[in-house]
């Protein structure tokens, strides 16, 4: 289920974290897709593939840690853009 951003003085820290993590998650997913495209086209050396894979795994781990710290589920980061639908595509996270 998607949701719209609503700021409440009592939950400001969590709401702000949700917004920031949403932007980071969008960028993470875009970087992951770009990396997969580069792997598929053979642009990367094996070492580069390994380094990108490790970096993306670490970023995903940190995102999980931060979501847990602020009591957020992955679906909490998927903003409802009204008629445009959800911000993030379905994820495997």
Protein backbone atom coordinates (compact mmCIF):
# COMPACT_ATOMS: atom_id res chain seq x y z
CA UNK A 1 0.00 0.00 0.00
CA UNK A 2 1.33 3.44 -0.88
CA UNK A 3 1.01 6.55 1.21
CA UNK A 4 1.36 10.30 0.93
CA UNK A 5 3.85 12.29 3.00
CA UNK A 6 2.22 13.81 6.09
CA UNK A 7 4.26 15.68 8.66
CA UNK A 8 3.14 15.66 12.28
CA UNK A 9 5.12 17.49 15.01
CA UNK A 10 5.06 14.35 17.17
CA UNK A 11 6.56 12.15 14.45
CA UNK A 12 8.72 14.70 12.61
CA UNK A 13 11.99 12.75 12.97
CA UNK A 14 10.43 9.54 11.63
CA UNK A 15 8.61 11.39 8.83
CA UNK A 16 11.78 13.19 7.77
CA UNK A 17 13.75 9.92 7.88
CA UNK A 18 11.04 8.32 5.74
CA UNK A 19 11.31 11.06 3.12
CA UNK A 20 15.12 10.94 3.03
CA UNK A 21 15.19 7.13 2.90
CA UNK A 22 12.64 7.21 0.08
CA UNK A 23 14.99 9.36 -2.01
CA UNK A 24 17.95 7.13 -1.14
CA UNK A 25 15.94 3.99 -2.02
CA UNK A 26 14.95 5.48 -5.37
CA UNK A 27 18.60 6.24 -6.13
CA UNK A 28 19.69 2.77 -4.92
CA UNK A 29 17.22 1.09 -7.26
CA UNK A 30 18.33 3.27 -10.19
CA UNK A 31 22.00 2.49 -9.49
CA UNK A 32 21.21 -1.22 -9.26
CA UNK A 33 19.43 -1.19 -12.61
CA UNK A 34 22.29 0.75 -14.22
CA UNK A 35 24.84 -1.69 -12.79
CA UNK A 36 22.87 -4.68 -14.12
CA UNK A 37 22.67 -3.06 -17.54
CA UNK A 38 26.44 -2.52 -17.53
CA UNK A 39 27.05 -6.13 -16.47
CA UNK A 40 24.73 -7.39 -19.22
CA UNK A 41 26.56 -5.36 -21.87
CA UNK A 42 29.97 -6.58 -20.68
CA UNK A 43 31.26 -3.06 -19.93
CA UNK A 44 32.72 -4.03 -16.56
CA UNK A 45 35.68 -6.09 -15.51
CA UNK A 46 35.11 -8.89 -13.03
CA UNK A 47 36.70 -6.75 -10.31
CA UNK A 48 34.37 -3.83 -11.08
CA UNK A 49 31.35 -6.14 -11.02
CA UNK A 50 32.45 -7.49 -7.63
CA UNK A 51 33.00 -3.99 -6.21
CA UNK A 52 29.63 -2.69 -7.47
CA UNK A 53 27.85 -5.77 -6.15
CA UNK A 54 29.46 -5.39 -2.73
CA UNK A 55 28.66 -1.67 -2.61
CA UNK A 56 25.01 -2.26 -3.50
CA UNK A 57 24.73 -5.02 -0.88
CA UNK A 58 26.23 -2.74 1.79
CA UNK A 59 23.87 0.07 0.82
CA UNK A 60 20.88 -2.27 1.02
CA UNK A 61 22.07 -3.48 4.45
CA UNK A 62 22.38 0.12 5.69
CA UNK A 63 18.93 0.94 4.34
CA UNK A 64 17.50 -2.03 6.26
CA UNK A 65 19.28 -0.87 9.41
CA UNK A 66 17.95 2.69 9.08
CA UNK A 67 14.41 1.52 8.28
CA UNK A 68 14.52 -0.64 11.41
CA UNK A 69 15.84 2.23 13.52
CA UNK A 70 12.92 4.44 12.47
CA UNK A 71 10.31 1.66 12.48
CA UNK A 72 9.76 1.73 8.73
CA UNK A 73 8.90 -1.13 6.41
CA UNK A 74 10.11 -1.14 2.76
CA UNK A 75 6.59 -0.30 1.59
CA UNK A 76 6.60 2.80 3.84
CA UNK A 77 9.13 4.33 1.44
CA UNK A 78 6.88 4.03 -1.58
CA UNK A 79 5.07 7.36 -1.88
CA UNK A 80 1.70 7.61 -3.59
CA UNK A 81 1.97 10.06 -6.49
CA UNK A 82 -1.77 10.15 -7.01
CA UNK A 83 -2.74 9.60 -10.64
CA UNK A 84 0.86 8.71 -11.50
CA UNK A 85 0.81 5.76 -9.11
CA UNK A 86 3.54 4.71 -6.67
CA UNK A 87 6.99 6.34 -6.80
CA UNK A 88 8.97 3.10 -6.62
CA UNK A 89 8.51 0.02 -8.76
CA UNK A 90 7.89 -3.29 -6.98
CA UNK A 91 11.13 -4.27 -5.27
CA UNK A 92 12.70 -7.49 -4.07
CA UNK A 93 13.73 -5.75 -0.80
